[in-house]
Amino acid sequence: MPNPTAPVAEPATKYPGVTSVKAADGHRLILSFGNGEQRVFDVTPLLSFGRFRDLALPEVFKRVRIAYDTVEWENGLDLDPEYLYERSQPI
């Protein structure tokens, strides 16, 4: 039987999903989130890691799209909305 005096766990923070994405110069993404915020995310620091190297080519980087609630490139690489939100800057 549940203990009625046990502390109730706080719900996990739910980050808003990405609703639109636009590739900008300088390997930046202009993102709109489900909460109405627009933010900019700089992909440059990731370009030296693994498959992110593919995105160094502007023509590959610009082929970004929405996949469910986040962004994805043609090579299958994606970034979680939580990661994008936490590491992006408000516009």
PDB file of N, CA and C in Angstrom:
ATOM      1  N   MET A   1       0.841  -1.176   0.000  1.00  0.00           N
ATOM      2  CA  MET A   1       0.000   0.000   0.000  1.00  0.00           C
ATOM      3  C   MET A   1       0.893   1.249   0.000  1.00  0.00           C
ATOM      4  N   PRO A   2       0.593   2.246  -0.846  1.00  0.00           N
ATOM      5  CA  PRO A   2       1.425   3.449  -0.902  1.00  0.00           C
ATOM      6  C   PRO A   2       1.402   4.215   0.416  1.00  0.00           C
ATOM      7  N   ASN A   3       2.510   4.834   0.732  1.00  0.00           N
ATOM      8  CA  ASN A   3       2.632   5.639   1.940  1.00  0.00           C
ATOM      9  C   ASN A   3       2.106   7.046   1.638  1.00  0.00           C
ATOM     10  N   PRO A   4       0.991   7.464   2.239  1.00  0.00           N
ATOM     11  CA  PRO A   4       0.416   8.784   1.938  1.00  0.00           C
ATOM     12  C   PRO A   4       1.274   9.947   2.421  1.00  0.00           C
ATOM     13  N   THR A   5       2.243   9.690   3.301  1.00  0.00           N
ATOM     14  CA  THR A   5       3.098  10.779   3.784  1.00  0.00           C
ATOM     15  C   THR A   5       4.429  10.847   3.049  1.00  0.00           C
ATOM     16  N   ALA A   6       4.656   9.927   2.105  1.00  0.00           N
ATOM     17  CA  ALA A   6       5.910   9.940   1.343  1.00  0.00           C
ATOM     18  C   ALA A   6       5.944  11.167   0.432  1.00  0.00           C
ATOM     19  N   PRO A   7       7.125  11.752   0.267  1.00  0.00           N
ATOM     20  CA  PRO A   7       7.208  12.932  -0.601  1.00  0.00           C
ATOM     21  C   PRO A   7       6.866  12.561  -2.050  1.00  0.00           C
ATOM     22  N   VAL A   8       6.222  13.480  -2.719  1.00  0.00           N
ATOM     23  CA  VAL A   8       5.841  13.277  -4.108  1.00  0.00           C
ATOM     24  C   VAL A   8       6.981  13.761  -4.985  1.00  0.00           C
ATOM     25  N   ALA A   9       7.369  12.928  -5.915  1.00  0.00           N
ATOM     26  CA  ALA A   9       8.458  13.310  -6.822  1.00  0.00           C
ATOM     27  C   ALA A   9       7.998  14.444  -7.726  1.00  0.00           C
ATOM     28  N   GLU A  10       8.892  15.396  -7.924  1.00  0.00           N
ATOM     29  CA  GLU A  10       8.609  16.495  -8.841  1.00  0.00           C
ATOM     30  C   GLU A  10       8.629  15.961 -10.263  1.00  0.00           C
ATOM     31  N   PRO A  11       7.722  16.439 -11.116  1.00  0.00           N
ATOM     32  CA  PRO A  11       7.756  15.984 -12.506  1.00  0.00           C
ATOM     33  C   PRO A  11       9.027  16.476 -13.196  1.00  0.00           C
ATOM     34  N   ALA A  12       9.530  15.663 -14.112  1.00  0.00           N
ATOM     35  CA  ALA A  12      10.730  16.047 -14.871  1.00  0.00           C
ATOM     36  C   ALA A  12      10.413  17.270 -15.719  1.00  0.00           C
ATOM     37  N   THR A  13      11.422  18.139 -15.875  1.00  0.00           N
ATOM     38  CA  THR A  13      11.243  19.313 -16.713  1.00  0.00           C
ATOM     39  C   THR A  13      11.026  18.858 -18.141  1.00  0.00           C
ATOM     40  N   LYS A  14       9.986  19.354 -18.752  1.00  0.00           N
ATOM     41  CA  LYS A  14       9.680  19.021 -20.139  1.00  0.00           C
ATOM     42  C   LYS A  14      10.070  20.205 -20.996  1.00  0.00           C
ATOM     43  N   TYR A  15      11.030  19.969 -21.883  1.00  0.00           N
ATOM     44  CA  TYR A  15      11.450  21.024 -22.785  1.00  0.00           C
ATOM     45  C   TYR A  15      10.493  21.069 -23.967  1.00  0.00           C
ATOM     46  N   PRO A  16      10.286  22.257 -24.507  1.00  0.00           N
ATOM     47  CA  PRO A  16       9.416  22.355 -25.675  1.00  0.00           C
ATOM     48  C   PRO A  16      10.098  21.756 -26.898  1.00  0.00           C
ATOM     49  N   GLY A  17       9.299  21.192 -27.772  1.00  0.00           N
ATOM     50  CA  GLY A  17       9.826  20.640 -29.012  1.00  0.00           C
ATOM     51  C   GLY A  17      10.123  21.731 -30.022  1.00  0.00           C
ATOM     52  N   VAL A  18      10.927  21.401 -30.997  1.00  0.00           N
ATOM     53  CA  VAL A  18      11.252  22.316 -32.082  1.00  0.00           C
ATOM     54  C   VAL A  18      10.105  22.282 -33.086  1.00  0.00           C
ATOM     55  N   THR A  19       9.617  23.459 -33.475  1.00  0.00           N
ATOM     56  CA  THR A  19       8.516  23.532 -34.436  1.00  0.00           C
ATOM     57  C   THR A  19       8.970  24.019 -35.805  1.00  0.00           C
ATOM     58  N   SER A  20      10.120  24.707 -35.869  1.00  0.00           N
ATOM     59  CA  SER A  20      10.678  25.097 -37.167  1.00  0.00           C
ATOM     60  C   SER A  20      12.172  25.309 -37.017  1.00  0.00           C
ATOM     61  N   VAL A  21      12.871  25.137 -38.145  1.00  0.00           N
ATOM     62  CA  VAL A  21      14.327  25.304 -38.160  1.00  0.00           C
ATOM     63  C   VAL A  21      14.724  25.935 -39.470  1.00  0.00           C
ATOM     64  N   LYS A  22      15.709  26.821 -39.403  1.00  0.00           N
ATOM     65  CA  LYS A  22      16.283  27.438 -40.595  1.00  0.00           C
ATOM     66  C   LYS A  22      17.793  27.461 -40.414  1.00  0.00           C
ATOM     67  N   ALA A  23      18.518  26.988 -41.421  1.00  0.00           N
ATOM     68  CA  ALA A  23      19.976  27.046 -41.386  1.00  0.00           C
ATOM     69  C   ALA A  23      20.405  28.469 -41.738  1.00  0.00           C
ATOM     70  N   ALA A  24      21.305  29.022 -40.923  1.00  0.00           N
ATOM     71  CA  ALA A  24      21.819  30.372 -41.145  1.00  0.00           C
ATOM     72  C   ALA A  24      23.328  30.295 -41.367  1.00  0.00           C
ATOM     73  N   ASP A  25      23.890  31.394 -41.842  1.00  0.00           N
ATOM     74  CA  ASP A  25      25.338  31.459 -42.050  1.00  0.00           C
ATOM     75  C   ASP A  25      26.071  31.192 -40.741  1.00  0.00           C
ATOM     76  N   GLY A  26      27.316  30.740 -40.872  1.00  0.00           N
ATOM     77  CA  GLY A  26      28.131  30.493 -39.688  1.00  0.00           C
ATOM     78  C   GLY A  26      27.744  29.237 -38.926  1.00  0.00           C
ATOM     79  N   HIS A  27      27.098  28.294 -39.604  1.00  0.00           N
ATOM     80  CA  HIS A  27      26.678  27.034 -38.979  1.00  0.00           C
ATOM     81  C   HIS A  27      25.783  27.262 -37.762  1.00  0.00           C
ATOM     82  N   ARG A  28      24.854  28.181 -37.937  1.00  0.00           N
ATOM     83  CA  ARG A  28      23.880  28.448 -36.872  1.00  0.00           C
ATOM     84  C   ARG A  28      22.503  27.965 -37.314  1.00  0.00           C
ATOM     85  N   LEU A  29      21.720  27.548 -36.355  1.00  0.00           N
ATOM     86  CA  LEU A  29      20.333  27.165 -36.590  1.00  0.00           C
ATOM     87  C   LEU A  29      19.424  28.180 -35.920  1.00  0.00           C
ATOM     88  N   ILE A  30      18.453  28.666 -36.665  1.00  0.00           N
ATOM     89  CA  ILE A  30      17.415  29.524 -36.098  1.00  0.00           C
ATOM     90  C   ILE A  30      16.243  28.594 -35.796  1.00  0.00           C
ATOM     91  N   LEU A  31      15.913  28.487 -34.520  1.00  0.00           N
ATOM     92  CA  LEU A  31      14.926  27.519 -34.047  1.00  0.00           C
ATOM     93  C   LEU A  31      13.702  28.207 -33.469  1.00  0.00           C
ATOM     94  N   SER A  32      12.542  27.645 -33.751  1.00  0.00           N
ATOM     95  CA  SER A  32      11.312  28.028 -33.059  1.00  0.00           C
ATOM     96  C   SER A  32      10.892  26.830 -32.230  1.00  0.00           C
ATOM     97  N   PHE A  33      10.478  27.100 -30.999  1.00  0.00           N
ATOM     98  CA  PHE A  33      10.069  26.043 -30.076  1.00  0.00           C
ATOM     99  C   PHE A  33       8.564  26.113 -29.817  1.00  0.00           C
ATOM    100  N   GLY A  34       8.029  25.010 -29.328  1.00  0.00           N
ATOM    101  CA  GLY A  34       6.607  24.898 -29.060  1.00  0.00           C
ATOM    102  C   GLY A  34       6.065  25.888 -28.046  1.00  0.00           C
ATOM    103  N   ASN A  35       6.932  26.500 -27.267  1.00  0.00           N
ATOM    104  CA  ASN A  35       6.486  27.488 -26.284  1.00  0.00           C
ATOM    105  C   ASN A  35       6.474  28.905 -26.868  1.00  0.00           C
ATOM    106  N   GLY A  36       6.749  29.025 -28.184  1.00  0.00           N
ATOM    107  CA  GLY A  36       6.729  30.327 -28.846  1.00  0.00           C
ATOM    108  C   GLY A  36       8.076  31.023 -28.899  1.00  0.00           C
ATOM    109  N   GLU A  37       9.083  30.487 -28.220  1.00  0.00           N
ATOM    110  CA  GLU A  37      10.406  31.117 -28.227  1.00  0.00           C
ATOM    111  C   GLU A  37      11.136  30.869 -29.533  1.00  0.00           C
ATOM    112  N   GLN A  38      11.928  31.860 -29.942  1.00  0.00           N
ATOM    113  CA  GLN A  38      12.873  31.691 -31.039  1.00  0.00           C
ATOM    114  C   GLN A  38      14.260  31.799 -30.440  1.00  0.00           C
ATOM    115  N   ARG A  39      15.126  30.862 -30.853  1.00  0.00           N
ATOM    116  CA  ARG A  39      16.465  30.800 -30.292  1.00  0.00           C
ATOM    117  C   ARG A  39      17.449  30.479 -31.403  1.00  0.00           C
ATOM    118  N   VAL A  40      18.728  30.777 -31.162  1.00  0.00           N
ATOM    119  CA  VAL A  40      19.778  30.461 -32.129  1.00  0.00           C
ATOM    120  C   VAL A  40      20.758  29.482 -31.485  1.00  0.00           C
ATOM    121  N   PHE A  41      21.113  28.451 -32.255  1.00  0.00           N
ATOM    122  CA  PHE A  41      22.030  27.415 -31.790  1.00  0.00           C
ATOM    123  C   PHE A  41      23.214  27.378 -32.735  1.00  0.00           C
ATOM    124  N   ASP A  42      24.419  27.481 -32.197  1.00  0.00           N
ATOM    125  CA  ASP A  42      25.648  27.450 -32.979  1.00  0.00           C
ATOM    126  C   ASP A  42      26.192  26.024 -33.007  1.00  0.00           C
ATOM    127  N   VAL A  43      26.231  25.424 -34.193  1.00  0.00           N
ATOM    128  CA  VAL A  43      26.696  24.058 -34.361  1.00  0.00           C
ATOM    129  C   VAL A  43      28.222  23.982 -34.448  1.00  0.00           C
ATOM    130  N   THR A  44      28.892  25.111 -34.659  1.00  0.00           N
ATOM    131  CA  THR A  44      30.339  25.146 -34.884  1.00  0.00           C
ATOM    132  C   THR A  44      31.148  24.318 -33.885  1.00  0.00           C
ATOM    133  N   PRO A  45      30.899  24.391 -32.572  1.00  0.00           N
ATOM    134  CA  PRO A  45      31.718  23.610 -31.632  1.00  0.00           C
ATOM    135  C   PRO A  45      31.616  22.088 -31.839  1.00  0.00           C
ATOM    136  N   LEU A  46      30.590  21.622 -32.517  1.00  0.00           N
ATOM    137  CA  LEU A  46      30.396  20.186 -32.723  1.00  0.00           C
ATOM    138  C   LEU A  46      31.055  19.669 -33.993  1.00  0.00           C
ATOM    139  N   LEU A  47      31.466  20.559 -34.880  1.00  0.00           N
ATOM    140  CA  LEU A  47      31.916  20.165 -36.212  1.00  0.00           C
ATOM    141  C   LEU A  47      33.202  19.346 -36.243  1.00  0.00           C
ATOM    142  N   SER A  48      33.896  19.230 -35.142  1.00  0.00           N
ATOM    143  CA  SER A  48      35.122  18.423 -35.118  1.00  0.00           C
ATOM    144  C   SER A  48      34.887  17.018 -34.565  1.00  0.00           C
ATOM    145  N   PHE A  49      33.641  16.661 -34.290  1.00  0.00           N
ATOM    146  CA  PHE A  49      33.316  15.370 -33.704  1.00  0.00           C
ATOM    147  C   PHE A  49      32.595  14.459 -34.688  1.00  0.00           C
ATOM    148  N   GLY A  50      33.119  13.256 -34.867  1.00  0.00           N
ATOM    149  CA  GLY A  50      32.445  12.186 -35.597  1.00  0.00           C
ATOM    150  C   GLY A  50      31.705  12.626 -36.833  1.00  0.00           C
ATOM    151  N   ARG A  51      30.436  12.222 -36.911  1.00  0.00           N
ATOM    152  CA  ARG A  51      29.598  12.514 -38.076  1.00  0.00           C
ATOM    153  C   ARG A  51      29.257  13.986 -38.209  1.00  0.00           C
ATOM    154  N   PHE A  52      29.470  14.763 -37.157  1.00  0.00           N
ATOM    155  CA  PHE A  52      29.226  16.203 -37.268  1.00  0.00           C
ATOM    156  C   PHE A  52      30.158  16.835 -38.297  1.00  0.00           C
ATOM    157  N   ARG A  53      31.282  16.183 -38.566  1.00  0.00           N
ATOM    158  CA  ARG A  53      32.225  16.704 -39.572  1.00  0.00           C
ATOM    159  C   ARG A  53      31.543  16.872 -40.928  1.00  0.00           C
ATOM    160  N   ASP A  54      30.592  15.988 -41.234  1.00  0.00           N
ATOM    161  CA  ASP A  54      29.848  16.092 -42.499  1.00  0.00           C
ATOM    162  C   ASP A  54      29.158  17.445 -42.638  1.00  0.00           C
ATOM    163  N   LEU A  55      28.751  18.015 -41.508  1.00  0.00           N
ATOM    164  CA  LEU A  55      27.995  19.265 -41.528  1.00  0.00           C
ATOM    165  C   LEU A  55      28.872  20.484 -41.775  1.00  0.00           C
ATOM    166  N   ALA A  56      30.183  20.303 -41.811  1.00  0.00           N
ATOM    167  CA  ALA A  56      31.083  21.425 -42.088  1.00  0.00           C
ATOM    168  C   ALA A  56      30.858  21.972 -43.497  1.00  0.00           C
ATOM    169  N   LEU A  57      30.400  21.118 -44.403  1.00  0.00           N
ATOM    170  CA  LEU A  57      30.085  21.569 -45.758  1.00  0.00           C
ATOM    171  C   LEU A  57      28.749  22.310 -45.730  1.00  0.00           C
ATOM    172  N   PRO A  58      28.743  23.595 -46.099  1.00  0.00           N
ATOM    173  CA  PRO A  58      27.506  24.385 -46.017  1.00  0.00           C
ATOM    174  C   PRO A  58      26.322  23.753 -46.738  1.00  0.00           C
ATOM    175  N   GLU A  59      26.576  23.114 -47.894  1.00  0.00           N
ATOM    176  CA  GLU A  59      25.456  22.521 -48.639  1.00  0.00           C
ATOM    177  C   GLU A  59      24.845  21.337 -47.894  1.00  0.00           C
ATOM    178  N   VAL A  60      25.619  20.650 -47.079  1.00  0.00           N
ATOM    179  CA  VAL A  60      25.100  19.550 -46.255  1.00  0.00           C
ATOM    180  C   VAL A  60      24.396  20.126 -45.023  1.00  0.00           C
ATOM    181  N   PHE A  61      25.022  21.095 -44.380  1.00  0.00           N
ATOM    182  CA  PHE A  61      24.443  21.712 -43.178  1.00  0.00           C
ATOM    183  C   PHE A  61      23.058  22.296 -43.461  1.00  0.00           C
ATOM    184  N   LYS A  62      22.897  22.918 -44.613  1.00  0.00           N
ATOM    185  CA  LYS A  62      21.646  23.607 -44.932  1.00  0.00           C
ATOM    186  C   LYS A  62      20.485  22.661 -45.218  1.00  0.00           C
ATOM    187  N   ARG A  63      20.749  21.360 -45.320  1.00  0.00           N
ATOM    188  CA  ARG A  63      19.681  20.387 -45.568  1.00  0.00           C
ATOM    189  C   ARG A  63      19.092  19.863 -44.254  1.00  0.00           C
ATOM    190  N   VAL A  64      18.943  20.732 -43.298  1.00  0.00           N
ATOM    191  CA  VAL A  64      18.366  20.387 -41.999  1.00  0.00           C
ATOM    192  C   VAL A  64      16.842  20.431 -42.108  1.00  0.00           C
ATOM    193  N   ARG A  65      16.184  19.595 -41.327  1.00  0.00           N
ATOM    194  CA  ARG A  65      14.722  19.544 -41.354  1.00  0.00           C
ATOM    195  C   ARG A  65      14.188  19.179 -39.973  1.00  0.00           C
ATOM    196  N   ILE A  66      12.897  19.327 -39.804  1.00  0.00           N
ATOM    197  CA  ILE A  66      12.223  18.916 -38.570  1.00  0.00           C
ATOM    198  C   ILE A  66      11.939  17.411 -38.652  1.00  0.00           C
ATOM    199  N   ALA A  67      12.224  16.709 -37.594  1.00  0.00           N
ATOM    200  CA  ALA A  67      11.885  15.294 -37.457  1.00  0.00           C
ATOM    201  C   ALA A  67      11.251  15.127 -36.082  1.00  0.00           C
ATOM    202  N   TYR A  68       9.964  14.882 -36.080  1.00  0.00           N
ATOM    203  CA  TYR A  68       9.186  14.820 -34.839  1.00  0.00           C
ATOM    204  C   TYR A  68       9.286  16.161 -34.127  1.00  0.00           C
ATOM    205  N   ASP A  69      10.021  16.249 -33.016  1.00  0.00           N
ATOM    206  CA  ASP A  69      10.086  17.521 -32.284  1.00  0.00           C
ATOM    207  C   ASP A  69      11.503  18.070 -32.217  1.00  0.00           C
ATOM    208  N   THR A  70      12.368  17.626 -33.134  1.00  0.00           N
ATOM    209  CA  THR A  70      13.749  18.080 -33.126  1.00  0.00           C
ATOM    210  C   THR A  70      14.243  18.272 -34.555  1.00  0.00           C
ATOM    211  N   VAL A  71      15.549  18.457 -34.716  1.00  0.00           N
ATOM    212  CA  VAL A  71      16.112  18.664 -36.049  1.00  0.00           C
ATOM    213  C   VAL A  71      16.922  17.444 -36.476  1.00  0.00           C
ATOM    214  N   GLU A  72      16.997  17.254 -37.801  1.00  0.00           N
ATOM    215  CA  GLU A  72      17.699  16.099 -38.341  1.00  0.00           C
ATOM    216  C   GLU A  72      18.290  16.488 -39.699  1.00  0.00           C
ATOM    217  N   TRP A  73      19.413  15.858 -40.027  1.00  0.00           N
ATOM    218  CA  TRP A  73      20.040  16.047 -41.328  1.00  0.00           C
ATOM    219  C   TRP A  73      19.876  14.772 -42.138  1.00  0.00           C
ATOM    220  N   GLU A  74      20.181  14.855 -43.436  1.00  0.00           N
ATOM    221  CA  GLU A  74      20.005  13.720 -44.336  1.00  0.00           C
ATOM    222  C   GLU A  74      20.836  12.506 -43.948  1.00  0.00           C
ATOM    223  N   ASN A  75      21.966  12.704 -43.251  1.00  0.00           N
ATOM    224  CA  ASN A  75      22.800  11.567 -42.845  1.00  0.00           C
ATOM    225  C   ASN A  75      22.259  10.877 -41.587  1.00  0.00           C
ATOM    226  N   GLY A  76      21.080  11.301 -41.116  1.00  0.00           N
ATOM    227  CA  GLY A  76      20.453  10.690 -39.943  1.00  0.00           C
ATOM    228  C   GLY A  76      20.866  11.299 -38.625  1.00  0.00           C
ATOM    229  N   LEU A  77      21.820  12.199 -38.655  1.00  0.00           N
ATOM    230  CA  LEU A  77      22.272  12.876 -37.444  1.00  0.00           C
ATOM    231  C   LEU A  77      21.159  13.781 -36.936  1.00  0.00           C
ATOM    232  N   ASP A  78      20.911  13.736 -35.638  1.00  0.00           N
ATOM    233  CA  ASP A  78      19.914  14.625 -35.053  1.00  0.00           C
ATOM    234  C   ASP A  78      20.393  15.130 -33.701  1.00  0.00           C
ATOM    235  N   LEU A  79      19.712  16.146 -33.216  1.00  0.00           N
ATOM    236  CA  LEU A  79      20.009  16.730 -31.907  1.00  0.00           C
ATOM    237  C   LEU A  79      18.707  16.801 -31.116  1.00  0.00           C
ATOM    238  N   ASP A  80      18.751  16.374 -29.869  1.00  0.00           N
ATOM    239  CA  ASP A  80      17.567  16.386 -29.012  1.00  0.00           C
ATOM    240  C   ASP A  80      17.081  17.801 -28.758  1.00  0.00           C
ATOM    241  N   PRO A  81      15.766  17.988 -28.639  1.00  0.00           N
ATOM    242  CA  PRO A  81      15.252  19.319 -28.350  1.00  0.00           C
ATOM    243  C   PRO A  81      15.755  19.870 -27.015  1.00  0.00           C
ATOM    244  N   GLU A  82      15.969  18.984 -26.043  1.00  0.00           N
ATOM    245  CA  GLU A  82      16.482  19.432 -24.747  1.00  0.00           C
ATOM    246  C   GLU A  82      17.878  20.023 -24.897  1.00  0.00           C
ATOM    247  N   TYR A  83      18.726  19.332 -25.656  1.00  0.00           N
ATOM    248  CA  TYR A  83      20.094  19.798 -25.902  1.00  0.00           C
ATOM    249  C   TYR A  83      20.074  21.133 -26.636  1.00  0.00           C
ATOM    250  N   LEU A  84      19.254  21.221 -27.668  1.00  0.00           N
ATOM    251  CA  LEU A  84      19.155  22.462 -28.443  1.00  0.00           C
ATOM    252  C   LEU A  84      18.667  23.622 -27.576  1.00  0.00           C
ATOM    253  N   TYR A  85      17.658  23.361 -26.768  1.00  0.00           N
ATOM    254  CA  TYR A  85      17.082  24.428 -25.942  1.00  0.00           C
ATOM    255  C   TYR A  85      18.081  24.911 -24.888  1.00  0.00           C
ATOM    256  N   GLU A  86      18.725  23.962 -24.197  1.00  0.00           N
ATOM    257  CA  GLU A  86      19.655  24.318 -23.130  1.00  0.00           C
ATOM    258  C   GLU A  86      20.865  25.098 -23.647  1.00  0.00           C
ATOM    259  N   ARG A  87      21.300  24.803 -24.853  1.00  0.00           N
ATOM    260  CA  ARG A  87      22.549  25.378 -25.373  1.00  0.00           C
ATOM    261  C   ARG A  87      22.338  26.452 -26.423  1.00  0.00           C
ATOM    262  N   SER A  88      21.113  26.888 -26.598  1.00  0.00           N
ATOM    263  CA  SER A  88      20.833  27.952 -27.559  1.00  0.00           C
ATOM    264  C   SER A  88      20.610  29.264 -26.826  1.00  0.00           C
ATOM    265  N   GLN A  89      20.634  30.332 -27.599  1.00  0.00           N
ATOM    266  CA  GLN A  89      20.462  31.676 -27.036  1.00  0.00           C
ATOM    267  C   GLN A  89      19.147  32.272 -27.563  1.00  0.00           C
ATOM    268  N   PRO A  90      18.412  32.968 -26.702  1.00  0.00           N
ATOM    269  CA  PRO A  90      17.202  33.643 -27.181  1.00  0.00           C
ATOM    270  C   PRO A  90      17.533  34.698 -28.230  1.00  0.00           C
ATOM    271  N   ILE A  91      16.647  34.849 -29.154  1.00  0.00           N
ATOM    272  CA  ILE A  91      16.823  35.889 -30.185  1.00  0.00           C
ATOM    273  C   ILE A  91      16.119  37.149 -29.709  1.00  0.00           C
TER     274      ILE A  91
END
